[in-house]
C-alpha atoms as a PDB file:
ATOM      1  CA  MET A   1     -70.855  48.962 -38.308  1.00  0.00           C
ATOM      2  CA  ASN A   2     -71.149  50.614 -34.894  1.00  0.00           C
ATOM      3  CA  ILE A   3     -72.146  54.256 -35.413  1.00  0.00           C
ATOM      4  CA  PRO A   4     -71.923  56.866 -32.609  1.00  0.00           C
ATOM      5  CA  ILE A   5     -75.245  58.055 -31.178  1.00  0.00           C
ATOM      6  CA  ILE A   6     -73.534  61.366 -30.324  1.00  0.00           C
ATOM      7  CA  ARG A   7     -70.588  62.807 -32.219  1.00  0.00           C
ATOM      8  CA  ILE A   8     -68.776  65.960 -31.111  1.00  0.00           C
ATOM      9  CA  LYS A   9     -66.562  67.640 -33.708  1.00  0.00           C
ATOM     10  CA  ASN A  10     -64.079  70.449 -33.031  1.00  0.00           C
ATOM     11  CA  LEU A  11     -66.016  71.714 -30.022  1.00  0.00           C
ATOM     12  CA  VAL A  12     -65.147  75.134 -28.609  1.00  0.00           C
ATOM     13  CA  LYS A  13     -66.988  76.414 -25.555  1.00  0.00           C
ATOM     14  CA  LYS A  14     -66.368  79.729 -23.811  1.00  0.00           C
ATOM     15  CA  TYR A  15     -67.998  81.443 -20.853  1.00  0.00           C
ATOM     16  CA  ASP A  16     -67.273  85.151 -21.342  1.00  0.00           C
ATOM     17  CA  ASP A  17     -63.484  85.162 -21.812  1.00  0.00           C
ATOM     18  CA  ARG A  18     -62.918  81.791 -20.141  1.00  0.00           C
ATOM     19  CA  LEU A  19     -62.120  78.853 -22.443  1.00  0.00           C
ATOM     20  CA  ILE A  20     -63.813  75.650 -21.232  1.00  0.00           C
ATOM     21  CA  PHE A  21     -63.240  73.395 -24.268  1.00  0.00           C
ATOM     22  CA  ASP A  22     -60.808  73.952 -27.113  1.00  0.00           C
ATOM     23  CA  ASP A  23     -61.164  71.951 -30.344  1.00  0.00           C
ATOM     24  CA  VAL A  24     -62.525  68.802 -28.673  1.00  0.00           C
ATOM     25  CA  SER A  25     -63.815  65.830 -30.688  1.00  0.00           C
ATOM     26  CA  LEU A  26     -65.543  62.851 -29.091  1.00  0.00           C
ATOM     27  CA  ASP A  27     -67.692  59.877 -30.158  1.00  0.00           C
ATOM     28  CA  ILE A  28     -70.207  58.261 -27.798  1.00  0.00           C
ATOM     29  CA  MET A  29     -71.545  54.818 -28.660  1.00  0.00           C
ATOM     30  CA  LYS A  30     -74.838  53.199 -27.699  1.00  0.00           C
ATOM     31  CA  GLY A  31     -74.652  51.207 -24.462  1.00  0.00           C
ATOM     32  CA  GLU A  32     -71.441  52.759 -23.182  1.00  0.00           C
ATOM     33  CA  SER A  33     -71.109  53.729 -19.543  1.00  0.00           C
ATOM     34  CA  ILE A  34     -68.765  56.698 -19.362  1.00  0.00           C
ATOM     35  CA  ALA A  35     -67.263  58.324 -16.271  1.00  0.00           C
ATOM     36  CA  LEU A  36     -66.155  61.948 -16.551  1.00  0.00           C
ATOM     37  CA  THR A  37     -63.366  62.745 -14.118  1.00  0.00           C
ATOM     38  CA  GLY A  38     -61.337  65.843 -13.375  1.00  0.00           C
ATOM     39  CA  HIS A  39     -61.073  68.657 -10.867  1.00  0.00           C
ATOM     40  CA  ASN A  40     -64.025  70.897 -10.070  1.00  0.00           C
ATOM     41  CA  GLY A  41     -64.502  73.718 -12.544  1.00  0.00           C
ATOM     42  CA  MET A  42     -62.852  71.912 -15.470  1.00  0.00           C
ATOM     43  CA  GLY A  43     -66.083  71.539 -17.438  1.00  0.00           C
ATOM     44  CA  LYS A  44     -67.616  68.138 -16.581  1.00  0.00           C
ATOM     45  CA  SER A  45     -71.066  69.554 -15.843  1.00  0.00           C
ATOM     46  CA  THR A  46     -70.828  71.812 -18.896  1.00  0.00           C
ATOM     47  CA  LEU A  47     -70.072  68.810 -21.114  1.00  0.00           C
ATOM     48  CA  ILE A  48     -73.138  66.983 -19.792  1.00  0.00           C
ATOM     49  CA  LYS A  49     -75.314  70.002 -20.614  1.00  0.00           C
ATOM     50  CA  ILE A  50     -73.753  70.289 -24.071  1.00  0.00           C
ATOM     51  CA  LEU A  51     -74.502  66.629 -24.818  1.00  0.00           C
ATOM     52  CA  CYS A  52     -78.238  67.057 -24.223  1.00  0.00           C
ATOM     53  CA  GLY A  53     -78.505  70.579 -25.619  1.00  0.00           C
ATOM     54  CA  LEU A  54     -79.027  72.479 -22.367  1.00  0.00           C
ATOM     55  CA  THR A  55     -76.231  74.928 -23.161  1.00  0.00           C
ATOM     56  CA  ARG A  56     -74.986  76.433 -26.410  1.00  0.00           C
ATOM     57  CA  ILE A  57     -71.550  75.857 -27.846  1.00  0.00           C
ATOM     58  CA  THR A  58     -69.277  78.598 -29.156  1.00  0.00           C
ATOM     59  CA  SER A  59     -68.280  76.693 -32.299  1.00  0.00           C
ATOM     60  CA  GLY A  60     -68.016  73.169 -33.653  1.00  0.00           C
ATOM     61  CA  GLU A  61     -70.719  70.515 -34.040  1.00  0.00           C
ATOM     62  CA  VAL A  62     -72.741  68.223 -31.785  1.00  0.00           C
ATOM     63  CA  ILE A  63     -74.442  65.563 -33.915  1.00  0.00           C
ATOM     64  CA  ARG A  64     -77.073  63.432 -32.159  1.00  0.00           C
ATOM     65  CA  ASP A  65     -79.184  60.514 -33.322  1.00  0.00           C
ATOM     66  CA  LYS A  66     -82.749  61.592 -33.992  1.00  0.00           C
ATOM     67  CA  ASN A  67     -85.279  61.333 -31.154  1.00  0.00           C
ATOM     68  CA  LEU A  68     -82.756  60.532 -28.439  1.00  0.00           C
ATOM     69  CA  LYS A  69     -84.417  60.564 -25.009  1.00  0.00           C
ATOM     70  CA  PHE A  70     -82.273  62.049 -22.239  1.00  0.00           C
ATOM     71  CA  ASN A  71     -82.950  61.684 -18.515  1.00  0.00           C
ATOM     72  CA  TYR A  72     -80.855  63.916 -16.272  1.00  0.00           C
ATOM     73  CA  ILE A  73     -79.911  63.850 -12.587  1.00  0.00           C
ATOM     74  CA  PRO A  74     -78.248  67.188 -11.712  1.00  0.00           C
ATOM     75  CA  GLU A  75     -75.920  67.593  -8.745  1.00  0.00           C
ATOM     76  CA  ASN A  76     -78.123  70.215  -7.090  1.00  0.00           C
ATOM     77  CA  PHE A  77     -81.872  69.920  -7.426  1.00  0.00           C
ATOM     78  CA  SER A  78     -84.062  73.009  -7.051  1.00  0.00           C
ATOM     79  CA  GLN A  79     -86.018  73.481  -3.817  1.00  0.00           C
ATOM     80  CA  LEU A  80     -89.307  74.107  -5.589  1.00  0.00           C
ATOM     81  CA  ASN A  81     -92.424  75.331  -3.801  1.00  0.00           C
ATOM     82  CA  ILE A  82     -94.356  72.150  -4.581  1.00  0.00           C
ATOM     83  CA  LYS A  83     -94.863  68.864  -2.759  1.00  0.00           C
ATOM     84  CA  ALA A  84     -92.401  66.170  -3.816  1.00  0.00           C
ATOM     85  CA  GLY A  85     -95.152  63.750  -4.851  1.00  0.00           C
ATOM     86  CA  GLU A  86     -96.919  66.418  -6.899  1.00  0.00           C
ATOM     87  CA  TYR A  87     -93.694  67.180  -8.734  1.00  0.00           C
ATOM     88  CA  ILE A  88     -93.130  63.507  -9.551  1.00  0.00           C
ATOM     89  CA  LYS A  89     -96.752  63.272 -10.749  1.00  0.00           C
ATOM     90  CA  LEU A  90     -96.167  66.185 -13.136  1.00  0.00           C
ATOM     91  CA  ILE A  91     -93.071  64.462 -14.533  1.00  0.00           C
ATOM     92  CA  GLY A  92     -95.116  61.294 -15.034  1.00  0.00           C
ATOM     93  CA  GLU A  93     -97.746  63.252 -16.972  1.00  0.00           C
ATOM     94  CA  ILE A  94     -95.086  64.900 -19.133  1.00  0.00           C
ATOM     95  CA  GLU A  95     -93.609  61.465 -19.840  1.00  0.00           C
ATOM     96  CA  GLY A  96     -97.045  60.136 -20.801  1.00  0.00           C
ATOM     97  CA  ILE A  97     -96.919  57.297 -18.264  1.00  0.00           C
ATOM     98  CA  SER A  98    -100.265  55.575 -17.691  1.00  0.00           C
ATOM     99  CA  LYS A  99    -101.860  55.921 -14.255  1.00  0.00           C
ATOM    100  CA  ASP A 100    -101.423  52.239 -13.392  1.00  0.00           C
ATOM    101  CA  ASP A 101     -97.778  52.166 -14.501  1.00  0.00           C
ATOM    102  CA  PHE A 102     -97.090  55.421 -12.643  1.00  0.00           C
ATOM    103  CA  VAL A 103     -98.525  54.107  -9.365  1.00  0.00           C
ATOM    104  CA  LYS A 104     -96.626  50.837  -9.702  1.00  0.00           C
ATOM    105  CA  LYS A 105     -93.333  52.540 -10.563  1.00  0.00           C
ATOM    106  CA  THR A 106     -93.507  55.273  -7.906  1.00  0.00           C
ATOM    107  CA  ASN A 107     -94.561  52.867  -5.151  1.00  0.00           C
ATOM    108  CA  TYR A 108     -91.495  50.790  -5.963  1.00  0.00           C
ATOM    109  CA  LEU A 109     -89.100  53.747  -6.154  1.00  0.00           C
ATOM    110  CA  TYR A 110     -90.449  55.479  -3.039  1.00  0.00           C
ATOM    111  CA  LYS A 111     -89.995  52.269  -1.060  1.00  0.00           C
ATOM    112  CA  GLU A 112     -86.513  51.565  -2.431  1.00  0.00           C
ATOM    113  CA  PHE A 113     -85.297  55.084  -1.574  1.00  0.00           C
ATOM    114  CA  ASN A 114     -87.209  55.322   1.718  1.00  0.00           C
ATOM    115  CA  LEU A 115     -89.300  58.267   0.542  1.00  0.00           C
ATOM    116  CA  GLU A 116     -92.820  57.199   1.531  1.00  0.00           C
ATOM    117  CA  ASN A 117     -92.963  59.732   4.359  1.00  0.00           C
ATOM    118  CA  MET A 118     -91.548  62.570   2.257  1.00  0.00           C
ATOM    119  CA  ILE A 119     -93.812  62.765  -0.790  1.00  0.00           C
ATOM    120  CA  ASN A 120     -96.292  65.129   0.895  1.00  0.00           C
ATOM    121  CA  THR A 121     -93.534  67.516   2.010  1.00  0.00           C
ATOM    122  CA  SER A 122     -92.780  70.661   0.043  1.00  0.00           C
ATOM    123  CA  MET A 123     -89.494  70.369  -1.833  1.00  0.00           C
ATOM    124  CA  LYS A 124     -88.385  73.716  -0.395  1.00  0.00           C
ATOM    125  CA  ASN A 125     -88.281  72.014   3.029  1.00  0.00           C
ATOM    126  CA  LEU A 126     -86.323  68.927   1.986  1.00  0.00           C
ATOM    127  CA  SER A 127     -82.642  68.326   2.710  1.00  0.00           C
ATOM    128  CA  LYS A 128     -80.059  68.054  -0.054  1.00  0.00           C
ATOM    129  CA  GLY A 129     -79.954  64.276   0.310  1.00  0.00           C
ATOM    130  CA  THR A 130     -83.722  63.877   0.023  1.00  0.00           C
ATOM    131  CA  LEU A 131     -83.860  66.251  -2.941  1.00  0.00           C
ATOM    132  CA  GLN A 132     -81.201  64.114  -4.589  1.00  0.00           C
ATOM    133  CA  LYS A 133     -83.439  61.070  -4.118  1.00  0.00           C
ATOM    134  CA  ILE A 134     -86.375  62.925  -5.694  1.00  0.00           C
ATOM    135  CA  SER A 135     -84.087  63.809  -8.582  1.00  0.00           C
ATOM    136  CA  VAL A 136     -83.196  60.138  -8.994  1.00  0.00           C
ATOM    137  CA  VAL A 137     -86.860  59.093  -8.919  1.00  0.00           C
ATOM    138  CA  GLN A 138     -87.863  61.571 -11.629  1.00  0.00           C
ATOM    139  CA  ALA A 139     -85.044  60.301 -13.846  1.00  0.00           C
ATOM    140  CA  LEU A 140     -85.903  56.625 -13.321  1.00  0.00           C
ATOM    141  CA  LEU A 141     -89.648  56.894 -14.001  1.00  0.00           C
ATOM    142  CA  SER A 142     -89.078  55.998 -17.644  1.00  0.00           C
ATOM    143  CA  LYS A 143     -86.323  54.359 -19.614  1.00  0.00           C
ATOM    144  CA  PRO A 144     -84.099  56.841 -21.498  1.00  0.00           C
ATOM    145  CA  ASP A 145     -81.696  56.328 -24.356  1.00  0.00           C
ATOM    146  CA  ILE A 146     -79.068  58.273 -22.397  1.00  0.00           C
ATOM    147  CA  LEU A 147     -78.927  58.782 -18.629  1.00  0.00           C
ATOM    148  CA  LEU A 148     -76.886  61.811 -17.578  1.00  0.00           C
ATOM    149  CA  LEU A 149     -75.594  61.912 -13.996  1.00  0.00           C
ATOM    150  CA  ASP A 150     -73.860  64.880 -12.368  1.00  0.00           C
ATOM    151  CA  GLU A 151     -72.314  63.796  -9.055  1.00  0.00           C
ATOM    152  CA  PRO A 152     -75.288  61.473  -8.468  1.00  0.00           C
ATOM    153  CA  LEU A 153     -74.267  60.264  -4.996  1.00  0.00           C
ATOM    154  CA  SER A 154     -73.838  63.742  -3.528  1.00  0.00           C
ATOM    155  CA  GLY A 155     -75.720  63.747  -0.215  1.00  0.00           C
ATOM    156  CA  GLN A 156     -77.214  60.255  -0.544  1.00  0.00           C
ATOM    157  CA  ASP A 157     -77.017  57.852   2.399  1.00  0.00           C
ATOM    158  CA  SER A 158     -75.202  54.551   1.995  1.00  0.00           C
ATOM    159  CA  ASP A 159     -78.360  52.425   1.518  1.00  0.00           C
ATOM    160  CA  SER A 160     -79.627  54.760  -1.205  1.00  0.00           C
ATOM    161  CA  GLN A 161     -76.234  54.674  -2.893  1.00  0.00           C
ATOM    162  CA  LYS A 162     -76.382  50.871  -3.110  1.00  0.00           C
ATOM    163  CA  THR A 163     -79.939  50.981  -4.468  1.00  0.00           C
ATOM    164  CA  PHE A 164     -78.998  53.623  -7.021  1.00  0.00           C
ATOM    165  CA  ILE A 165     -75.969  51.679  -8.267  1.00  0.00           C
ATOM    166  CA  ARG A 166     -78.048  48.505  -8.633  1.00  0.00           C
ATOM    167  CA  MET A 167     -80.732  50.296 -10.671  1.00  0.00           C
ATOM    168  CA  VAL A 168     -78.247  52.022 -12.963  1.00  0.00           C
ATOM    169  CA  ARG A 169     -76.456  48.721 -13.588  1.00  0.00           C
ATOM    170  CA  GLU A 170     -79.786  47.233 -14.659  1.00  0.00           C
ATOM    171  CA  LEU A 171     -80.270  50.101 -17.134  1.00  0.00           C
ATOM    172  CA  ILE A 172     -76.780  49.579 -18.554  1.00  0.00           C
ATOM    173  CA  LYS A 173     -77.549  45.878 -19.079  1.00  0.00           C
ATOM    174  CA  ASP A 174     -80.696  46.983 -20.885  1.00  0.00           C
ATOM    175  CA  GLY A 175     -78.681  49.031 -23.386  1.00  0.00           C
ATOM    176  CA  VAL A 176     -79.009  52.508 -21.857  1.00  0.00           C
ATOM    177  CA  THR A 177     -75.993  54.787 -22.405  1.00  0.00           C
ATOM    178  CA  VAL A 178     -74.821  56.272 -19.109  1.00  0.00           C
ATOM    179  CA  ILE A 179     -72.624  59.364 -18.824  1.00  0.00           C
ATOM    180  CA  MET A 180     -71.736  60.547 -15.344  1.00  0.00           C
ATOM    181  CA  SER A 181     -69.548  63.148 -13.741  1.00  0.00           C
ATOM    182  CA  CYS A 182     -68.130  61.783 -10.514  1.00  0.00           C
ATOM    183  CA  HIS A 183     -65.158  61.714  -8.152  1.00  0.00           C
ATOM    184  CA  GLU A 184     -65.782  58.407  -6.371  1.00  0.00           C
ATOM    185  CA  VAL A 185     -63.440  55.657  -7.543  1.00  0.00           C
ATOM    186  CA  PHE A 186     -65.771  52.957  -6.211  1.00  0.00           C
ATOM    187  CA  LEU A 187     -68.633  54.348  -8.334  1.00  0.00           C
ATOM    188  CA  ILE A 188     -66.441  54.354 -11.437  1.00  0.00           C
ATOM    189  CA  ASP A 189     -65.466  50.742 -10.700  1.00  0.00           C
ATOM    190  CA  GLN A 190     -69.101  49.724 -10.236  1.00  0.00           C
ATOM    191  CA  LEU A 191     -70.599  51.395 -13.292  1.00  0.00           C
ATOM    192  CA  SER A 192     -68.145  52.595 -15.921  1.00  0.00           C
ATOM    193  CA  SER A 193     -66.703  50.845 -18.954  1.00  0.00           C
ATOM    194  CA  ARG A 194     -64.900  53.964 -20.217  1.00  0.00           C
ATOM    195  CA  ILE A 195     -63.191  56.815 -18.362  1.00  0.00           C
ATOM    196  CA  LEU A 196     -62.655  60.312 -19.739  1.00  0.00           C
ATOM    197  CA  GLN A 197     -60.656  62.999 -17.978  1.00  0.00           C
ATOM    198  CA  VAL A 198     -61.547  66.654 -18.489  1.00  0.00           C
ATOM    199  CA  LYS A 199     -58.392  68.734 -18.123  1.00  0.00           C
ATOM    200  CA  ASP A 200     -56.891  71.909 -19.589  1.00  0.00           C
ATOM    201  CA  SER A 201     -59.827  72.467 -21.986  1.00  0.00           C
ATOM    202  CA  LYS A 202     -59.364  68.966 -23.468  1.00  0.00           C
ATOM    203  CA  ILE A 203     -60.849  65.501 -22.969  1.00  0.00           C
ATOM    204  CA  PHE A 204     -58.461  62.564 -22.539  1.00  0.00           C
ATOM    205  CA  GLU A 205     -59.202  58.837 -22.549  1.00  0.00           C
ATOM    206  CA  ILE A 206     -57.563  57.263 -19.493  1.00  0.00           C
ATOM    207  CA  LYS A 207     -57.153  53.750 -18.124  1.00  0.00           C
ATOM    208  CA  ARG A 208     -58.758  52.567 -14.918  1.00  0.00           C
ATOM    209  CA  ALA A 209     -55.321  51.979 -13.390  1.00  0.00           C
ATOM    210  CA  ASP A 210     -54.490  55.654 -13.916  1.00  0.00           C
ATOM    211  CA  ILE A 211     -57.078  56.736 -11.342  1.00  0.00           C
ATOM    212  CA  SER A 212     -55.447  57.018  -7.956  1.00  0.00           C
ATOM    213  CA  SER A 213     -57.561  55.838  -5.057  1.00  0.00           C
ATOM    214  CA  GLU A 214     -58.481  58.895  -2.997  1.00  0.00           C
ATOM    215  CA  LYS A 215     -58.223  58.440   0.773  1.00  0.00           C
ATOM    216  CA  TYR A 216     -61.147  59.448   2.938  1.00  0.00           C
ATOM    217  CA  ALA A 217     -61.724  60.840   6.405  1.00  0.00           C
ATOM    218  CA  SER A 218     -64.601  59.677   8.620  1.00  0.00           C
ATOM    219  CA  MET A 219     -66.608  62.162  10.684  1.00  0.00           C
ATOM    220  CA  THR A 220     -69.413  61.757  13.215  1.00  0.00           C
ATOM    221  CA  PHE A 221     -71.395  64.663  14.661  1.00  0.00           C
ATOM    222  CA  TYR A 222     -74.081  64.917  17.315  1.00  0.00           C
ATOM    223  CA  ARG A 223     -77.453  65.770  15.833  1.00  0.00           C
ATOM    224  CA  LYS A 224     -78.929  69.100  16.747  1.00  0.00           C
ATOM    225  CA  GLU A 225     -82.165  68.964  18.749  1.00  0.00           C
ATOM    226  CA  ALA A 226     -83.911  71.003  16.064  1.00  0.00           C
ATOM    227  CA  ASP A 227     -83.046  68.466  13.353  1.00  0.00           C
ATOM    228  CA  LYS A 228     -85.824  66.473  11.749  1.00  0.00           C
ATOM    229  CA  SER A 229     -85.526  63.205   9.832  1.00  0.00           C
ATOM    230  CA  PHE A 230     -83.188  63.111   6.839  1.00  0.00           C
ATOM    231  CA  VAL A 231     -81.057  66.085   7.830  1.00  0.00           C
ATOM    232  CA  THR A 232     -78.187  65.648   5.352  1.00  0.00           C
ATOM    233  CA  PRO A 233     -76.269  68.929   5.666  1.00  0.00           C
ATOM    234  CA  ASN A 234     -76.249  70.973   2.474  1.00  0.00           C
ATOM    235  CA  ILE A 235     -72.458  70.763   2.165  1.00  0.00           C
ATOM    236  CA  ASN A 236     -70.544  69.594  -0.885  1.00  0.00           C
ATOM    237  CA  GLY A 237     -68.073  66.734  -0.499  1.00  0.00           C
ATOM    238  CA  ILE A 238     -70.094  64.414   1.771  1.00  0.00           C
ATOM    239  CA  TYR A 239     -70.200  60.690   0.880  1.00  0.00           C
ATOM    240  CA  GLU A 240     -71.639  57.510   2.439  1.00  0.00           C
ATOM    241  CA  TYR A 241     -73.934  59.558   4.636  1.00  0.00           C
ATOM    242  CA  HIS A 242     -75.776  57.805   7.479  1.00  0.00           C
ATOM    243  CA  GLU A 243     -77.836  59.015  10.418  1.00  0.00           C
ATOM    244  CA  ASN A 244     -79.662  57.735  13.467  1.00  0.00           C
ATOM    245  CA  GLU A 245     -81.573  59.479  16.256  1.00  0.00           C
ATOM    246  CA  ASP A 246     -78.352  60.598  17.973  1.00  0.00           C
ATOM    247  CA  TYR A 247     -75.640  61.066  15.347  1.00  0.00           C
ATOM    248  CA  ILE A 248     -74.939  61.859  11.718  1.00  0.00           C
ATOM    249  CA  GLU A 249     -71.871  60.320  10.121  1.00  0.00           C
ATOM    250  CA  PHE A 250     -70.232  60.396   6.710  1.00  0.00           C
ATOM    251  CA  LYS A 251     -66.953  60.292   4.808  1.00  0.00           C
ATOM    252  CA  THR A 252     -65.187  63.072   2.966  1.00  0.00           C
ATOM    253  CA  LYS A 253     -62.009  63.255   0.949  1.00  0.00           C
ATOM    254  CA  ILE A 254     -58.959  64.035   3.078  1.00  0.00           C
ATOM    255  CA  SER A 255     -58.170  66.875   0.693  1.00  0.00           C
ATOM    256  CA  GLU A 256     -61.559  68.440   1.584  1.00  0.00           C
ATOM    257  CA  SER A 257     -61.824  67.359   5.222  1.00  0.00           C
ATOM    258  CA  ASN A 258     -60.716  70.645   6.812  1.00  0.00           C
ATOM    259  CA  ARG A 259     -63.266  72.617   4.797  1.00  0.00           C
ATOM    260  CA  VAL A 260     -66.100  70.175   5.521  1.00  0.00           C
ATOM    261  CA  LEU A 261     -65.215  70.053   9.228  1.00  0.00           C
ATOM    262  CA  THR A 262     -65.236  73.856   9.433  1.00  0.00           C
ATOM    263  CA  GLU A 263     -68.557  74.141   7.592  1.00  0.00           C
ATOM    264  CA  MET A 264     -70.191  71.551   9.860  1.00  0.00           C
ATOM    265  CA  ILE A 265     -69.027  73.329  13.018  1.00  0.00           C
ATOM    266  CA  ASN A 266     -70.108  76.703  11.621  1.00  0.00           C
ATOM    267  CA  SER A 267     -73.526  75.141  10.934  1.00  0.00           C
ATOM    268  CA  GLY A 268     -73.903  74.383  14.634  1.00  0.00           C
ATOM    269  CA  TYR A 269     -72.925  70.708  14.763  1.00  0.00           C
ATOM    270  CA  THR A 270     -70.719  69.319  17.542  1.00  0.00           C
ATOM    271  CA  LEU A 271     -67.965  66.914  16.531  1.00  0.00           C
ATOM    272  CA  LYS A 272     -68.034  63.471  18.182  1.00  0.00           C
ATOM    273  CA  TYR A 273     -65.486  61.565  16.108  1.00  0.00           C
ATOM    274  CA  PHE A 274     -62.958  62.329  13.384  1.00  0.00           C
ATOM    275  CA  GLU A 275     -60.431  59.988  11.763  1.00  0.00           C
ATOM    276  CA  ARG A 276     -58.201  60.351   8.739  1.00  0.00           C
END
């Protein structure tokens, strides 16, 4: 008999007077890969934090298997006043990883995510995209029972996205349960076996065919002279980011393109190319 590793019963969650979840019940099975979809502000990130115990519930029950190990990749990673490599070393010590295994694992991950030249840089000086890579590395140092992902591709360049997807697929094959909040249809197609929509304080099971393919706009901007390497702008809604010595380019949802375009121009970037 297949027993849930997490069972939510009659969940109610409120922030002040705002109702986030109302009498929600949900079972999560070992080895599932679940995509959480829905508009911003509906409660996807809150649900992820509820699952691993990072936030309290108002009423109801969250029943977890004993000794579940959670690894978590948040959407926005803190710009700590510590070198990136030192932070990863601390995580390795907390995880109890042996020195030899730590060196082997980090050398591999730093190379795969093109971070070798960034590990001696303070995290407070890293771009959003590079911080996201550091967040991924800390979550992939050890194998979890459940991997929680909150908009995991936000700010990552296209090569890093491909690497990330490949590594997560390997974890899924190895029996890791993956739960991610995301908007990208291609990411859902690549990773998810089950899709849940968070809407109107409820959680609905939906079919893959019910997800409409969002259209994207492409933008290219001239780099500013003051920019250093890995200058992913700290702007939400940027996907498939890529840069070279002259330009930065990315995609954004058409529904968000006017906002992103305005924020880029207000940040001092000059538009070279724009196509819906």
